[in-house]
Protein backbone atom coordinates (compact mmCIF):
# COMPACT_ATOMS: atom_id res chain seq x y z
CA MET A 1 0.00 0.00 0.00
CA ARG A 2 1.08 3.57 -0.63
CA SER A 3 2.17 5.61 2.36
CA ARG A 4 -0.51 8.17 3.24
CA ARG A 5 0.48 9.46 6.68
CA SER A 6 -0.02 13.05 5.52
CA CYS A 7 -2.51 13.91 2.77
CA LEU A 8 -2.10 17.54 1.75
CA ALA A 9 -5.06 19.41 0.26
CA VAL A 10 -4.14 21.94 -2.45
CA PRO A 11 -6.71 24.16 -4.24
CA GLY A 12 -6.49 23.61 -7.97
CA SER A 13 -7.32 27.26 -8.55
CA ASN A 14 -4.09 28.47 -6.91
CA PRO A 15 -0.98 27.95 -9.10
CA ARG A 16 1.33 29.23 -6.36
CA PHE A 17 0.07 26.61 -3.90
CA LEU A 18 0.32 23.92 -6.57
CA GLU A 19 3.98 24.77 -7.06
CA LYS A 20 4.77 25.03 -3.35
CA ALA A 21 3.17 21.67 -2.55
CA GLN A 22 5.74 19.88 -4.69
CA GLY A 23 8.49 20.73 -2.20
CA LEU A 24 6.64 19.72 0.95
CA PRO A 25 7.29 16.31 2.62
CA ALA A 26 3.68 15.12 2.40
CA ASP A 27 3.13 11.47 1.50
CA GLU A 28 0.12 12.34 -0.64
CA VAL A 29 -0.93 15.56 -2.33
CA PHE A 30 -4.47 15.86 -3.59
CA LEU A 31 -5.17 18.65 -6.04
CA ASP A 32 -8.68 19.84 -5.35
CA LEU A 33 -11.49 20.70 -7.73
CA GLU A 34 -14.25 20.54 -5.12
CA ASP A 35 -14.87 22.58 -1.97
CA SER A 36 -11.76 24.76 -2.10
CA VAL A 37 -12.51 25.95 -5.65
CA ALA A 38 -15.22 28.50 -6.41
CA PRO A 39 -17.81 27.49 -9.05
CA LEU A 40 -16.61 30.05 -11.59
CA ALA A 41 -12.98 28.92 -11.11
CA LYS A 42 -13.47 25.19 -11.68
CA GLU A 43 -12.76 25.11 -15.41
CA GLY A 44 -9.55 27.05 -14.95
CA ALA A 45 -8.58 24.83 -12.02
CA ARG A 46 -8.77 21.75 -14.23
CA LYS A 47 -6.24 23.30 -16.60
CA ASN A 48 -3.99 24.30 -13.70
CA ILE A 49 -4.04 20.76 -12.33
CA VAL A 50 -3.28 19.12 -15.68
CA ALA A 51 -0.34 21.47 -16.16
CA ALA A 52 0.94 20.92 -12.62
CA LEU A 53 0.78 17.14 -12.97
CA ARG A 54 2.50 17.15 -16.35
CA GLU A 55 5.17 19.74 -15.62
CA GLY A 56 5.73 19.49 -11.85
CA ASP A 57 8.08 17.33 -9.83
CA TRP A 58 5.95 15.15 -7.52
CA SER A 59 8.70 12.66 -6.73
CA GLY A 60 7.95 10.45 -3.76
CA LYS A 61 4.34 11.60 -3.49
CA THR A 62 1.04 9.91 -4.22
CA ARG A 63 -0.66 12.17 -6.79
CA VAL A 64 -4.41 12.50 -6.38
CA VAL A 65 -7.09 14.78 -7.81
CA ARG A 66 -10.36 15.31 -5.96
CA VAL A 67 -13.19 15.79 -8.45
CA ASN A 68 -16.57 17.28 -7.65
CA ASP A 69 -19.33 15.10 -6.24
CA LEU A 70 -21.87 13.40 -8.45
CA GLY A 71 -24.65 15.75 -7.37
CA THR A 72 -23.02 18.54 -9.39
CA GLN A 73 -22.71 19.34 -13.10
CA TRP A 74 -18.90 19.29 -13.05
CA THR A 75 -17.90 15.73 -12.21
CA TYR A 76 -17.83 14.06 -15.62
CA ARG A 77 -15.83 16.90 -17.16
CA ASP A 78 -13.45 16.82 -14.18
CA VAL A 79 -12.70 13.16 -14.80
CA ILE A 80 -12.44 13.39 -18.58
CA GLU A 81 -10.25 16.50 -18.74
CA VAL A 82 -7.89 15.50 -15.94
CA VAL A 83 -7.38 11.89 -17.02
CA GLU A 84 -7.16 12.64 -20.74
CA GLY A 85 -4.79 15.52 -20.00
CA ALA A 86 -2.53 13.93 -17.37
CA GLY A 87 -3.64 10.36 -16.71
CA GLU A 88 -0.11 8.97 -16.98
CA PHE A 89 0.97 11.28 -14.14
CA LEU A 90 -1.98 10.46 -11.87
CA ASP A 91 -2.20 7.84 -9.13
CA CYS A 92 -5.79 8.21 -7.92
CA LEU A 93 -8.99 10.18 -8.21
CA MET A 94 -10.85 11.07 -5.03
CA LEU A 95 -14.64 10.97 -5.21
CA PRO A 96 -16.34 13.05 -2.49
CA LYS A 97 -19.68 12.52 -0.80
CA VAL A 98 -19.98 8.85 -1.77
CA GLU A 99 -23.36 7.54 -0.61
CA ASP A 100 -23.69 4.15 -2.31
CA PRO A 101 -21.55 1.72 -4.31
CA THR A 102 -23.09 2.64 -7.68
CA GLN A 103 -21.26 5.98 -7.55
CA VAL A 104 -17.89 4.25 -7.30
CA VAL A 105 -18.90 1.84 -10.06
CA TRP A 106 -19.75 4.84 -12.26
CA LEU A 107 -16.29 6.32 -11.75
CA ASP A 108 -14.61 2.96 -12.30
CA THR A 109 -16.49 2.48 -15.58
CA LEU A 110 -15.69 5.98 -16.86
CA LEU A 111 -12.03 5.58 -15.95
CA THR A 112 -11.86 2.28 -17.84
CA GLN A 113 -13.33 3.89 -20.96
CA ILE A 114 -10.90 6.81 -20.84
CA GLU A 115 -7.91 4.54 -20.19
CA LYS A 116 -8.80 2.32 -23.17
CA ALA A 117 -9.38 5.30 -25.45
CA ASN A 118 -6.07 6.94 -24.50
CA GLY A 119 -3.74 3.96 -24.33
CA LEU A 120 -3.39 4.06 -20.55
CA GLU A 121 -3.06 0.98 -18.36
CA VAL A 122 -6.58 -0.22 -17.59
CA GLY A 123 -7.06 -0.12 -13.85
CA GLY A 124 -3.91 1.90 -13.30
CA ILE A 125 -5.70 4.84 -11.71
CA GLY A 126 -7.01 4.13 -8.21
CA ILE A 127 -10.01 5.59 -6.39
CA GLU A 128 -10.34 7.17 -2.96
CA ALA A 129 -13.91 7.34 -1.61
CA GLN A 130 -14.94 10.01 0.88
CA ILE A 131 -17.59 9.11 3.46
CA GLU A 132 -19.26 12.41 4.30
CA ASN A 133 -22.84 11.77 5.40
CA ALA A 134 -25.09 9.35 7.23
CA ARG A 135 -26.14 7.49 4.09
CA GLY A 136 -22.53 6.91 3.12
CA LEU A 137 -21.70 5.52 6.55
CA VAL A 138 -24.69 3.18 6.52
CA ASN A 139 -23.58 1.87 3.11
CA VAL A 140 -19.84 1.90 3.82
CA ASP A 141 -19.40 -1.89 3.64
CA ALA A 142 -20.90 -2.05 0.16
CA ILE A 143 -18.93 1.01 -0.91
CA ALA A 144 -15.67 -0.54 0.30
CA GLY A 145 -16.27 -3.64 -1.81
CA SER A 146 -17.53 -1.88 -4.92
CA SER A 147 -14.36 -1.65 -7.04
CA ARG A 148 -10.91 -3.17 -7.33
CA ARG A 149 -9.62 0.34 -7.95
CA LEU A 150 -10.49 1.45 -4.43
CA GLU A 151 -7.45 2.19 -2.28
CA THR A 152 -8.81 4.24 0.61
CA LEU A 153 -11.87 5.29 2.55
CA VAL A 154 -11.64 8.89 3.76
CA PHE A 155 -13.67 10.43 6.58
CA GLY A 156 -15.07 13.85 5.69
CA PRO A 157 -15.99 15.33 9.08
CA ALA A 158 -17.46 18.73 8.17
CA ASP A 159 -20.16 17.52 5.79
CA PHE A 160 -20.76 14.50 8.00
CA MET A 161 -21.34 16.62 11.09
CA ALA A 162 -23.83 18.72 9.13
CA SER A 163 -25.61 15.64 7.79
CA ILE A 164 -26.39 14.33 11.29
CA ASN A 165 -27.22 17.79 12.72
CA MET A 166 -24.30 17.74 15.13
CA ARG A 167 -24.45 20.95 17.16
CA THR A 168 -21.01 22.42 16.57
CA LEU A 169 -19.17 24.76 14.22
CA VAL A 170 -15.68 23.43 15.02
CA VAL A 171 -14.50 20.69 12.66
CA GLY A 172 -12.54 17.92 14.31
CA GLU A 173 -13.22 18.72 17.97
CA GLN A 174 -15.82 17.25 20.31
CA PRO A 175 -19.18 19.05 20.06
CA PRO A 176 -19.96 21.42 22.96
CA GLY A 177 -21.85 19.61 25.70
CA TYR A 178 -20.53 16.17 24.76
CA THR A 179 -18.57 15.05 27.79
CA GLU A 180 -18.80 11.25 27.67
CA GLY A 181 -16.18 9.53 25.54
CA ASP A 182 -15.58 10.43 21.89
CA ALA A 183 -18.43 11.60 19.65
CA TYR A 184 -16.57 10.32 16.55
CA HIS A 185 -15.51 6.90 17.82
CA TYR A 186 -18.33 4.93 16.19
CA ILE A 187 -17.90 6.76 12.88
CA LEU A 188 -14.17 6.20 12.74
CA MET A 189 -14.42 2.54 13.75
CA ARG A 190 -17.20 1.90 11.25
CA ILE A 191 -15.06 3.28 8.43
CA LEU A 192 -12.00 1.41 9.68
CA MET A 193 -13.78 -1.95 9.84
CA ALA A 194 -15.10 -1.57 6.29
CA ALA A 195 -11.67 -0.55 5.04
CA ARG A 196 -9.83 -3.44 6.67
CA THR A 197 -12.46 -5.96 5.54
CA HIS A 198 -11.58 -5.06 1.97
CA ASP A 199 -7.83 -4.43 2.46
CA LEU A 200 -8.16 -0.67 2.04
CA GLN A 201 -6.48 2.16 3.87
CA ALA A 202 -8.44 4.43 6.20
CA ILE A 203 -7.71 8.17 6.27
CA ASP A 204 -8.98 10.71 8.80
CA GLY A 205 -10.20 14.07 7.58
CA PRO A 206 -9.02 17.61 8.29
CA TYR A 207 -8.54 19.63 11.45
CA LEU A 208 -9.49 23.18 10.52
CA ALA A 209 -7.81 25.05 13.39
CA ILE A 210 -4.53 25.11 11.46
CA LYS A 211 -2.63 27.16 14.04
CA ASP A 212 -3.44 24.72 16.85
CA LEU A 213 -0.76 22.08 16.30
CA ASP A 214 -1.28 20.58 19.75
CA GLY A 215 -4.93 20.06 18.91
CA TYR A 216 -4.01 18.56 15.55
CA ARG A 217 -1.60 16.11 17.18
CA ARG A 218 -4.18 15.12 19.78
CA VAL A 219 -6.92 14.42 17.22
CA ALA A 220 -4.50 12.72 14.83
CA GLY A 221 -3.24 10.58 17.70
CA ARG A 222 -6.78 9.36 18.33
CA ALA A 223 -7.12 8.15 14.75
CA ALA A 224 -3.63 6.64 14.72
CA ALA A 225 -4.32 4.74 17.94
CA LEU A 226 -7.40 3.16 16.37
CA GLY A 227 -5.39 2.04 13.35
CA PHE A 228 -5.97 4.74 10.73
CA ASP A 229 -3.19 5.12 8.18
CA GLY A 230 -3.06 8.90 7.94
CA LYS A 231 -4.84 12.23 8.11
CA TRP A 232 -5.46 15.23 5.92
CA VAL A 233 -3.29 18.29 6.30
CA LEU A 234 -4.49 21.74 5.26
CA HIS A 235 -1.33 23.71 5.97
CA PRO A 236 2.41 22.99 5.63
CA THR A 237 2.84 23.20 9.41
CA GLN A 238 0.61 20.14 9.85
CA VAL A 239 2.64 17.90 7.52
CA GLU A 240 5.46 17.10 9.93
CA ALA A 241 2.98 16.47 12.74
CA ALA A 242 1.01 13.98 10.63
CA ASN A 243 4.13 12.14 9.48
CA GLU A 244 5.30 11.83 13.07
CA VAL A 245 1.97 10.78 14.59
CA PHE A 246 1.29 8.10 11.98
CA SER A 247 4.79 6.62 12.16
CA PRO A 248 5.77 4.22 14.96
CA SER A 249 8.30 5.38 17.52
CA GLN A 250 11.87 4.16 17.08
CA GLU A 251 11.43 1.98 20.16
CA ASP A 252 8.25 0.36 18.85
CA TYR A 253 9.75 -0.16 15.40
CA ASP A 254 12.86 -1.83 16.83
CA ARG A 255 10.69 -4.04 19.02
CA ALA A 256 8.52 -5.08 16.07
CA GLU A 257 11.52 -6.07 13.95
CA LEU A 258 12.98 -7.94 16.92
CA ILE A 259 9.76 -9.92 17.36
CA LEU A 260 9.72 -10.84 13.68
CA ASP A 261 13.34 -12.03 13.75
CA ALA A 262 12.89 -13.94 16.98
CA TYR A 263 9.69 -15.61 15.85
CA GLU A 264 11.30 -16.63 12.57
CA TYR A 265 14.24 -18.16 14.42
CA TYR A 266 12.23 -20.04 17.05
CA THR A 267 9.64 -21.44 14.61
CA THR A 268 12.13 -22.57 11.96
CA VAL A 269 15.29 -23.47 13.90
CA GLU A 270 13.90 -24.61 17.23
CA LYS A 271 10.44 -25.44 15.83
CA ARG A 272 8.57 -23.82 18.70
CA GLY A 273 5.44 -21.75 18.21
CA ALA A 274 5.25 -19.84 21.50
CA VAL A 275 8.39 -18.60 23.27
CA MET A 276 9.60 -15.94 25.65
CA LEU A 277 11.31 -12.83 24.29
CA GLY A 278 12.60 -11.04 27.35
CA ASP A 279 9.64 -10.83 29.72
CA GLU A 280 7.02 -11.24 26.99
CA MET A 281 5.60 -14.36 25.37
CA ILE A 282 5.38 -14.14 21.59
CA ASP A 283 3.41 -16.34 19.20
CA GLU A 284 1.73 -16.12 15.78
CA ALA A 285 -0.58 -13.33 16.94
CA SER A 286 2.46 -11.38 18.11
CA ARG A 287 4.00 -11.81 14.66
CA LYS A 288 0.91 -10.37 12.95
CA MET A 289 0.88 -7.34 15.25
CA ALA A 290 4.59 -6.82 14.71
CA LEU A 291 4.16 -6.95 10.94
CA VAL A 292 1.82 -3.96 11.09
CA VAL A 293 4.22 -1.82 13.12
CA ALA A 294 7.25 -2.91 11.10
CA ALA A 295 5.53 -2.09 7.81
CA LYS A 296 4.66 1.40 9.02
CA GLY A 297 8.22 1.93 10.21
CA ARG A 298 9.71 0.79 6.92
CA ALA A 299 7.31 3.05 5.02
CA ALA A 300 8.52 5.92 7.21
CA SER A 301 12.14 5.01 6.30
CA LEU A 302 13.07 4.19 9.89
CA GLY A 303 16.30 2.26 10.40
CA ARG A 304 16.90 -0.46 12.96
CA THR A 305 19.02 0.31 16.01
CA THR A 306 18.89 -3.20 17.52
CA ALA A 307 19.32 -6.71 16.20
CA PHE A 308 18.16 -10.16 17.29
CA THR A 309 20.90 -12.42 18.59
CA PRO A 310 20.02 -16.14 18.56
CA PRO A 311 20.68 -17.87 21.88
CA THR A 312 23.90 -19.89 22.09
CA ALA A 313 23.73 -23.60 22.77
């Protein structure tokens, strides 16, 4: 899977931001045609995005374009113009406000037609589906299984909060008066379960108070603790925080690699399935947990600082 610890939103209508984003250490950059672009600027934004994809240096980044939602008049032209203009430089399209699987199927079908007509690899462009309202959450299992192109499910908190009449104007924080637990726990877990059932990544949405880095870290830490793979960033100052929060600590990464080495040794050389590693018993379940942490550490380019030493006879 692609690394998506930090997913940077960039308005397609702003050429200066499109250029600046290329030098930022975000894992993913999505060039936006939806909410951050005014209606009268959308046609020009398409041209900006095609030019930025073709001419820019996006090395090391997952390149995504968010099209408009299917309730608008812009979506089909978004897809056609962007993919015909820069499909070979595009990794994924993000479809917002997905409510049922037929919407993803529509995008999959259109992408296949454009790829065939333009000599692109069929299936080469992935899809990210945003869950942004109650209907989308209720149908999230079917959405997650709707297309082989799907790579991620993305939580869109602002529209979601509006769709359920949540009484707050602050995106990402607990609603005023809610003092018991986490108002978003069910939503996040529901998306996460659907994603993991279909081997997809799960991405948390934005935190709009961009100057409150402590708040961003706290909310990102909640999603990371549950198992989410990354979070949106709206400002360059949030990128480093996201990359850090969604990467394992050096200590945890070293421990995970140690468990994998030890388990491999004990199961193949000594042919034992459950053994002690220091003060902890490890077994097959331990190996699976360690694989998750090790994979995240490797994706974050962490290096090992410890090594497993087999016991002497």
